[in-house]
Amino acid sequence: MSTLKNPEEGGTFKAKTTKQPRPVVTTDGDGVVSHAGSYLLVELADRVGLTAALSRGLACLKQRRRAHDPGEVLRDLAVSIADGGDCLSDLTVLHNQPDLFGEVASIPTAWRVIDALATDFDLTPVRQARAQARAHACKHGVRPEHVTLDFDATLVTAHSEKQGAAGTYKRGFGFHPLLCSVGETDEPGDDGARDGRRPAVPTGLKTAGAAGVVPASMALLAPT
């Protein structure tokens, strides 16, 4: 349980204002709200420029002037997941607290945004928005010294002659793609389509088991 406190007035309040509220942890008092920690994620996304970049990149999805901003919808969905949600309808938790989170999109509205993104939409603007926000955070010192790259090669069976399919080391037939993710955050980094003859770990890659620790760089921390 937390309150949102205006440092100038000294009182507690629940509504979002143009001034940045200061969260105060307490067990009682006026203006006590739940999920206040999730509100900090909203503020973080806004401060590093993620929300604004998403709004610019997804402006074409906004069909009406008074419609919800698609960038804000994606931000709120991400906050919902961080808050423990595991499906789109869990956005209701934020939607039911307008004094804390403001006007959050309804479930049908959020569904339309996700459906539009999943239907022949180039996700490059989303990736670029993430890259810009991460670069902004790194510029201000929020940057790890090292990044762990987690590699995972998985055999995928092909039941017919397909381009790139070949015999595997397990005497099967198919593909052997190599996936790479960031160990600290489980974010997907890159993937490579490979035929079944390729080894599990690329030649020349120095790893400890299935992971390699490398110095952090902007190319790794702000992928496009």
C-alpha atoms as a PDB file:
ATOM      1  CA  MET A   1       0.000   0.000   0.000  1.00  0.00           C
ATOM      2  CA  SER A   2       1.297   3.446  -0.886  1.00  0.00           C
ATOM      3  CA  THR A   3       0.199   7.016  -1.205  1.00  0.00           C
ATOM      4  CA  LEU A   4       1.077   9.603  -3.806  1.00  0.00           C
ATOM      5  CA  LYS A   5       2.248  12.738  -2.092  1.00  0.00           C
ATOM      6  CA  ASN A   6       2.763  16.219  -3.495  1.00  0.00           C
ATOM      7  CA  PRO A   7       6.089  17.435  -2.047  1.00  0.00           C
ATOM      8  CA  GLU A   8       4.967  21.095  -2.247  1.00  0.00           C
ATOM      9  CA  GLU A   9       1.583  20.797  -0.578  1.00  0.00           C
ATOM     10  CA  GLY A  10       2.385  18.037   1.894  1.00  0.00           C
ATOM     11  CA  GLY A  11      -1.019  16.389   1.487  1.00  0.00           C
ATOM     12  CA  THR A  12      -1.933  13.086  -0.075  1.00  0.00           C
ATOM     13  CA  PHE A  13      -3.883  12.656  -3.280  1.00  0.00           C
ATOM     14  CA  LYS A  14      -4.749   9.987  -5.821  1.00  0.00           C
ATOM     15  CA  ALA A  15      -5.228  11.830  -9.102  1.00  0.00           C
ATOM     16  CA  LYS A  16      -2.412  12.228 -11.605  1.00  0.00           C
ATOM     17  CA  THR A  17      -1.289  15.812 -12.162  1.00  0.00           C
ATOM     18  CA  THR A  18       1.205  17.582 -14.365  1.00  0.00           C
ATOM     19  CA  LYS A  19       3.646  17.730 -11.435  1.00  0.00           C
ATOM     20  CA  GLN A  20       5.522  14.559 -10.640  1.00  0.00           C
ATOM     21  CA  PRO A  21       4.026  12.991  -7.469  1.00  0.00           C
ATOM     22  CA  ARG A  22       6.299  11.364  -4.922  1.00  0.00           C
ATOM     23  CA  PRO A  23       5.315   7.872  -3.729  1.00  0.00           C
ATOM     24  CA  VAL A  24       5.370   7.379   0.038  1.00  0.00           C
ATOM     25  CA  VAL A  25       5.158   3.921   1.606  1.00  0.00           C
ATOM     26  CA  THR A  26       2.699   3.866   4.505  1.00  0.00           C
ATOM     27  CA  THR A  27       0.268   1.538   6.248  1.00  0.00           C
ATOM     28  CA  ASP A  28      -2.559   4.047   6.699  1.00  0.00           C
ATOM     29  CA  GLY A  29      -3.601   7.595   5.871  1.00  0.00           C
ATOM     30  CA  ASP A  30      -5.632   9.365   3.216  1.00  0.00           C
ATOM     31  CA  GLY A  31      -5.306   8.600  -0.468  1.00  0.00           C
ATOM     32  CA  VAL A  32      -3.949   5.089   0.084  1.00  0.00           C
ATOM     33  CA  VAL A  33      -4.004   3.103  -3.156  1.00  0.00           C
ATOM     34  CA  SER A  34      -2.927  -0.343  -4.291  1.00  0.00           C
ATOM     35  CA  HIS A  35      -0.627  -1.112  -7.240  1.00  0.00           C
ATOM     36  CA  ALA A  36       1.153   2.199  -6.674  1.00  0.00           C
ATOM     37  CA  GLY A  37       4.444   0.553  -7.594  1.00  0.00           C
ATOM     38  CA  SER A  38       3.093  -0.090 -11.076  1.00  0.00           C
ATOM     39  CA  TYR A  39       2.506   3.641 -11.413  1.00  0.00           C
ATOM     40  CA  LEU A  40       6.279   4.092 -11.168  1.00  0.00           C
ATOM     41  CA  LEU A  41       6.665   1.978 -14.317  1.00  0.00           C
ATOM     42  CA  VAL A  42       4.273   4.298 -16.138  1.00  0.00           C
ATOM     43  CA  GLU A  43       6.363   7.282 -15.067  1.00  0.00           C
ATOM     44  CA  LEU A  44       9.581   5.503 -16.061  1.00  0.00           C
ATOM     45  CA  ALA A  45       8.274   4.776 -19.562  1.00  0.00           C
ATOM     46  CA  ASP A  46       7.239   8.412 -19.931  1.00  0.00           C
ATOM     47  CA  ARG A  47      10.512   9.833 -18.586  1.00  0.00           C
ATOM     48  CA  VAL A  48      12.820   7.783 -20.827  1.00  0.00           C
ATOM     49  CA  GLY A  49      10.732   8.676 -23.866  1.00  0.00           C
ATOM     50  CA  LEU A  50       9.343   5.194 -24.547  1.00  0.00           C
ATOM     51  CA  THR A  51       5.694   6.277 -24.495  1.00  0.00           C
ATOM     52  CA  ALA A  52       6.257   9.241 -26.808  1.00  0.00           C
ATOM     53  CA  ALA A  53       8.328   7.163 -29.258  1.00  0.00           C
ATOM     54  CA  LEU A  54       5.662   4.446 -29.368  1.00  0.00           C
ATOM     55  CA  SER A  55       2.972   7.082 -29.934  1.00  0.00           C
ATOM     56  CA  ARG A  56       4.870   8.525 -32.888  1.00  0.00           C
ATOM     57  CA  GLY A  57       5.611   5.144 -34.401  1.00  0.00           C
ATOM     58  CA  LEU A  58       2.046   3.830 -34.059  1.00  0.00           C
ATOM     59  CA  ALA A  59       0.213   7.050 -34.957  1.00  0.00           C
ATOM     60  CA  CYS A  60      -1.151   5.409 -38.098  1.00  0.00           C
ATOM     61  CA  LEU A  61      -3.202   3.020 -35.949  1.00  0.00           C
ATOM     62  CA  LYS A  62      -5.154   5.860 -34.353  1.00  0.00           C
ATOM     63  CA  GLN A  63      -8.311   6.135 -36.446  1.00  0.00           C
ATOM     64  CA  ARG A  64     -10.202   8.767 -34.448  1.00  0.00           C
ATOM     65  CA  ARG A  65      -9.020  11.982 -32.791  1.00  0.00           C
ATOM     66  CA  ARG A  66     -10.538  11.017 -29.437  1.00  0.00           C
ATOM     67  CA  ALA A  67      -9.341   7.419 -29.649  1.00  0.00           C
ATOM     68  CA  HIS A  68      -6.828   6.067 -27.169  1.00  0.00           C
ATOM     69  CA  ASP A  69      -3.196   6.587 -28.100  1.00  0.00           C
ATOM     70  CA  PRO A  70      -1.802   3.209 -29.310  1.00  0.00           C
ATOM     71  CA  GLY A  71       1.551   3.999 -27.687  1.00  0.00           C
ATOM     72  CA  GLU A  72      -0.093   4.502 -24.307  1.00  0.00           C
ATOM     73  CA  VAL A  73      -2.109   1.316 -24.782  1.00  0.00           C
ATOM     74  CA  LEU A  74       1.099  -0.686 -25.332  1.00  0.00           C
ATOM     75  CA  ARG A  75       2.719   0.985 -22.337  1.00  0.00           C
ATOM     76  CA  ASP A  76      -0.217   0.128 -20.091  1.00  0.00           C
ATOM     77  CA  LEU A  77      -0.244  -3.461 -21.331  1.00  0.00           C
ATOM     78  CA  ALA A  78       3.458  -3.766 -20.496  1.00  0.00           C
ATOM     79  CA  VAL A  79       2.803  -2.346 -17.024  1.00  0.00           C
ATOM     80  CA  SER A  80      -0.040  -4.833 -16.585  1.00  0.00           C
ATOM     81  CA  ILE A  81       2.312  -7.729 -17.366  1.00  0.00           C
ATOM     82  CA  ALA A  82       4.929  -6.394 -14.938  1.00  0.00           C
ATOM     83  CA  ASP A  83       2.163  -6.137 -12.331  1.00  0.00           C
ATOM     84  CA  GLY A  84       1.480  -9.867 -12.639  1.00  0.00           C
ATOM     85  CA  GLY A  85      -1.032  -9.964 -15.484  1.00  0.00           C
ATOM     86  CA  ASP A  86      -0.859 -12.904 -17.852  1.00  0.00           C
ATOM     87  CA  CYS A  87      -3.629 -12.054 -20.320  1.00  0.00           C
ATOM     88  CA  LEU A  88      -5.011  -8.978 -22.024  1.00  0.00           C
ATOM     89  CA  SER A  89      -8.081  -8.794 -19.780  1.00  0.00           C
ATOM     90  CA  ASP A  90      -5.817  -8.224 -16.741  1.00  0.00           C
ATOM     91  CA  LEU A  91      -5.533  -4.643 -18.003  1.00  0.00           C
ATOM     92  CA  THR A  92      -8.786  -4.184 -16.063  1.00  0.00           C
ATOM     93  CA  VAL A  93      -6.715  -3.801 -12.880  1.00  0.00           C
ATOM     94  CA  LEU A  94      -5.276  -0.542 -14.234  1.00  0.00           C
ATOM     95  CA  HIS A  95      -8.523   0.473 -15.935  1.00  0.00           C
ATOM     96  CA  ASN A  96     -10.383   0.293 -12.616  1.00  0.00           C
ATOM     97  CA  GLN A  97      -8.003   2.796 -10.956  1.00  0.00           C
ATOM     98  CA  PRO A  98      -8.380   5.979 -13.021  1.00  0.00           C
ATOM     99  CA  ASP A  99      -7.309   8.147 -10.062  1.00  0.00           C
ATOM    100  CA  LEU A 100      -3.902   6.478 -10.170  1.00  0.00           C
ATOM    101  CA  PHE A 101      -3.339   5.495 -13.805  1.00  0.00           C
ATOM    102  CA  GLY A 102      -5.575   7.993 -15.569  1.00  0.00           C
ATOM    103  CA  GLU A 103      -7.778   6.957 -18.467  1.00  0.00           C
ATOM    104  CA  VAL A 104      -6.728   3.436 -19.433  1.00  0.00           C
ATOM    105  CA  ALA A 105      -8.090   1.794 -22.584  1.00  0.00           C
ATOM    106  CA  SER A 106     -10.884  -0.739 -22.319  1.00  0.00           C
ATOM    107  CA  ILE A 107     -10.263  -4.403 -23.122  1.00  0.00           C
ATOM    108  CA  PRO A 108     -11.889  -4.179 -26.611  1.00  0.00           C
ATOM    109  CA  THR A 109      -9.780  -1.110 -27.443  1.00  0.00           C
ATOM    110  CA  ALA A 110      -6.567  -2.797 -26.306  1.00  0.00           C
ATOM    111  CA  TRP A 111      -7.521  -5.896 -28.296  1.00  0.00           C
ATOM    112  CA  ARG A 112      -7.930  -3.822 -31.463  1.00  0.00           C
ATOM    113  CA  VAL A 113      -4.444  -2.362 -31.018  1.00  0.00           C
ATOM    114  CA  ILE A 114      -2.867  -5.805 -30.546  1.00  0.00           C
ATOM    115  CA  ASP A 115      -4.873  -7.216 -33.451  1.00  0.00           C
ATOM    116  CA  ALA A 116      -3.651  -4.381 -35.700  1.00  0.00           C
ATOM    117  CA  LEU A 117      -0.041  -5.027 -34.685  1.00  0.00           C
ATOM    118  CA  ALA A 118      -0.424  -8.740 -35.373  1.00  0.00           C
ATOM    119  CA  THR A 119      -1.998  -8.224 -38.806  1.00  0.00           C
ATOM    120  CA  ASP A 120       0.648  -7.392 -41.398  1.00  0.00           C
ATOM    121  CA  PHE A 121       2.103  -4.488 -39.399  1.00  0.00           C
ATOM    122  CA  ASP A 122       5.810  -3.714 -39.523  1.00  0.00           C
ATOM    123  CA  LEU A 123       7.021  -3.837 -35.915  1.00  0.00           C
ATOM    124  CA  THR A 124      10.121  -1.784 -36.716  1.00  0.00           C
ATOM    125  CA  PRO A 125       8.654   1.376 -35.055  1.00  0.00           C
ATOM    126  CA  VAL A 126       8.150  -0.600 -31.830  1.00  0.00           C
ATOM    127  CA  ARG A 127      11.721  -1.896 -31.887  1.00  0.00           C
ATOM    128  CA  GLN A 128      13.046   1.580 -32.652  1.00  0.00           C
ATOM    129  CA  ALA A 129      11.058   3.068 -29.768  1.00  0.00           C
ATOM    130  CA  ARG A 130      12.555   0.532 -27.380  1.00  0.00           C
ATOM    131  CA  ALA A 131      16.022   1.218 -28.732  1.00  0.00           C
ATOM    132  CA  GLN A 132      15.647   4.986 -28.316  1.00  0.00           C
ATOM    133  CA  ALA A 133      14.347   4.640 -24.756  1.00  0.00           C
ATOM    134  CA  ARG A 134      17.129   2.257 -23.797  1.00  0.00           C
ATOM    135  CA  ALA A 135      19.753   4.526 -25.336  1.00  0.00           C
ATOM    136  CA  HIS A 136      18.330   7.445 -23.361  1.00  0.00           C
ATOM    137  CA  ALA A 137      18.525   5.453 -20.118  1.00  0.00           C
ATOM    138  CA  CYS A 138      22.077   4.289 -20.867  1.00  0.00           C
ATOM    139  CA  LYS A 139      23.120   7.865 -21.595  1.00  0.00           C
ATOM    140  CA  HIS A 140      22.070   8.802 -18.072  1.00  0.00           C
ATOM    141  CA  GLY A 141      24.007   5.999 -16.403  1.00  0.00           C
ATOM    142  CA  VAL A 142      21.436   3.189 -16.253  1.00  0.00           C
ATOM    143  CA  ARG A 143      23.704   0.687 -17.920  1.00  0.00           C
ATOM    144  CA  PRO A 144      25.144  -2.647 -16.729  1.00  0.00           C
ATOM    145  CA  GLU A 145      28.850  -3.363 -16.980  1.00  0.00           C
ATOM    146  CA  HIS A 146      28.279  -6.717 -18.653  1.00  0.00           C
ATOM    147  CA  VAL A 147      25.525  -8.475 -20.577  1.00  0.00           C
ATOM    148  CA  THR A 148      25.063 -12.254 -20.578  1.00  0.00           C
ATOM    149  CA  LEU A 149      24.170 -13.665 -23.981  1.00  0.00           C
ATOM    150  CA  ASP A 150      22.278 -16.933 -23.647  1.00  0.00           C
ATOM    151  CA  PHE A 151      22.520 -19.161 -26.728  1.00  0.00           C
ATOM    152  CA  ASP A 152      20.143 -22.002 -27.439  1.00  0.00           C
ATOM    153  CA  ALA A 153      20.249 -24.192 -30.544  1.00  0.00           C
ATOM    154  CA  THR A 154      17.120 -26.252 -31.104  1.00  0.00           C
ATOM    155  CA  LEU A 155      16.498 -28.978 -33.656  1.00  0.00           C
ATOM    156  CA  VAL A 156      13.354 -28.458 -35.721  1.00  0.00           C
ATOM    157  CA  THR A 157      12.155 -31.477 -37.691  1.00  0.00           C
ATOM    158  CA  ALA A 158      11.090 -31.058 -41.309  1.00  0.00           C
ATOM    159  CA  HIS A 159       8.717 -33.748 -42.572  1.00  0.00           C
ATOM    160  CA  SER A 160       9.338 -32.960 -46.241  1.00  0.00           C
ATOM    161  CA  GLU A 161      11.996 -31.488 -48.502  1.00  0.00           C
ATOM    162  CA  LYS A 162      12.207 -27.809 -47.542  1.00  0.00           C
ATOM    163  CA  GLN A 163      14.751 -25.153 -48.439  1.00  0.00           C
ATOM    164  CA  GLY A 164      17.640 -25.250 -45.984  1.00  0.00           C
ATOM    165  CA  ALA A 165      16.638 -28.558 -44.388  1.00  0.00           C
ATOM    166  CA  ALA A 166      19.374 -31.139 -43.961  1.00  0.00           C
ATOM    167  CA  GLY A 167      20.367 -34.175 -41.934  1.00  0.00           C
ATOM    168  CA  THR A 168      21.034 -33.461 -38.256  1.00  0.00           C
ATOM    169  CA  TYR A 169      23.614 -34.867 -35.871  1.00  0.00           C
ATOM    170  CA  LYS A 170      20.824 -36.891 -34.244  1.00  0.00           C
ATOM    171  CA  ARG A 171      20.178 -38.583 -37.582  1.00  0.00           C
ATOM    172  CA  GLY A 172      17.023 -36.611 -38.147  1.00  0.00           C
ATOM    173  CA  PHE A 173      16.147 -34.177 -40.923  1.00  0.00           C
ATOM    174  CA  GLY A 174      15.333 -30.485 -40.612  1.00  0.00           C
ATOM    175  CA  PHE A 175      16.787 -27.257 -39.259  1.00  0.00           C
ATOM    176  CA  HIS A 176      19.085 -26.262 -36.405  1.00  0.00           C
ATOM    177  CA  PRO A 177      18.334 -22.562 -35.657  1.00  0.00           C
ATOM    178  CA  LEU A 178      20.436 -20.685 -33.121  1.00  0.00           C
ATOM    179  CA  LEU A 179      18.573 -18.374 -30.748  1.00  0.00           C
ATOM    180  CA  CYS A 180      20.160 -15.670 -28.607  1.00  0.00           C
ATOM    181  CA  SER A 181      18.621 -13.854 -25.636  1.00  0.00           C
ATOM    182  CA  VAL A 182      19.815 -11.474 -22.924  1.00  0.00           C
ATOM    183  CA  GLY A 183      20.335 -13.536 -19.776  1.00  0.00           C
ATOM    184  CA  GLU A 184      19.559 -10.739 -17.312  1.00  0.00           C
ATOM    185  CA  THR A 185      16.174  -9.853 -18.811  1.00  0.00           C
ATOM    186  CA  ASP A 186      15.226 -12.887 -20.980  1.00  0.00           C
ATOM    187  CA  GLU A 187      14.757 -10.501 -23.910  1.00  0.00           C
ATOM    188  CA  PRO A 188      15.218 -12.076 -27.355  1.00  0.00           C
ATOM    189  CA  GLY A 189      18.344 -10.717 -28.982  1.00  0.00           C
ATOM    190  CA  ASP A 190      18.585 -12.357 -32.381  1.00  0.00           C
ATOM    191  CA  ASP A 191      18.001 -15.616 -34.180  1.00  0.00           C
ATOM    192  CA  GLY A 192      19.645 -17.313 -37.071  1.00  0.00           C
ATOM    193  CA  ALA A 193      18.034 -19.775 -39.462  1.00  0.00           C
ATOM    194  CA  ARG A 194      20.487 -22.647 -40.006  1.00  0.00           C
ATOM    195  CA  ASP A 195      20.312 -26.019 -41.678  1.00  0.00           C
ATOM    196  CA  GLY A 196      20.422 -29.223 -39.678  1.00  0.00           C
ATOM    197  CA  ARG A 197      24.128 -29.836 -40.288  1.00  0.00           C
ATOM    198  CA  ARG A 198      25.264 -26.814 -38.278  1.00  0.00           C
ATOM    199  CA  PRO A 199      26.828 -27.343 -34.810  1.00  0.00           C
ATOM    200  CA  ALA A 200      24.996 -26.311 -31.636  1.00  0.00           C
ATOM    201  CA  VAL A 201      27.570 -23.575 -30.818  1.00  0.00           C
ATOM    202  CA  PRO A 202      29.145 -21.470 -33.601  1.00  0.00           C
ATOM    203  CA  THR A 203      32.846 -22.092 -34.181  1.00  0.00           C
ATOM    204  CA  GLY A 204      35.067 -19.555 -32.427  1.00  0.00           C
ATOM    205  CA  LEU A 205      32.452 -18.467 -29.877  1.00  0.00           C
ATOM    206  CA  LYS A 206      33.912 -18.511 -26.372  1.00  0.00           C
ATOM    207  CA  THR A 207      31.167 -19.462 -23.932  1.00  0.00           C
ATOM    208  CA  ALA A 208      30.731 -20.764 -20.419  1.00  0.00           C
ATOM    209  CA  GLY A 209      28.274 -23.588 -20.977  1.00  0.00           C
ATOM    210  CA  ALA A 210      25.439 -22.136 -23.050  1.00  0.00           C
ATOM    211  CA  ALA A 211      26.073 -18.504 -22.153  1.00  0.00           C
ATOM    212  CA  GLY A 212      28.716 -15.916 -22.873  1.00  0.00           C
ATOM    213  CA  VAL A 213      29.415 -12.791 -20.803  1.00  0.00           C
ATOM    214  CA  VAL A 214      30.487  -9.799 -22.848  1.00  0.00           C
ATOM    215  CA  PRO A 215      31.043  -6.086 -22.098  1.00  0.00           C
ATOM    216  CA  ALA A 216      27.862  -4.058 -22.418  1.00  0.00           C
ATOM    217  CA  SER A 217      27.607  -1.918 -25.524  1.00  0.00           C
ATOM    218  CA  MET A 218      24.939   0.269 -27.076  1.00  0.00           C
ATOM    219  CA  ALA A 219      24.577  -2.253 -29.908  1.00  0.00           C
ATOM    220  CA  LEU A 220      23.575  -4.915 -27.397  1.00  0.00           C
ATOM    221  CA  LEU A 221      21.569  -2.745 -25.009  1.00  0.00           C
ATOM    222  CA  ALA A 222      19.624  -0.856 -27.657  1.00  0.00           C
ATOM    223  CA  PRO A 223      18.931  -3.334 -30.446  1.00  0.00           C
ATOM    224  CA  THR A 224      16.769  -2.312 -33.390  1.00  0.00           C
END
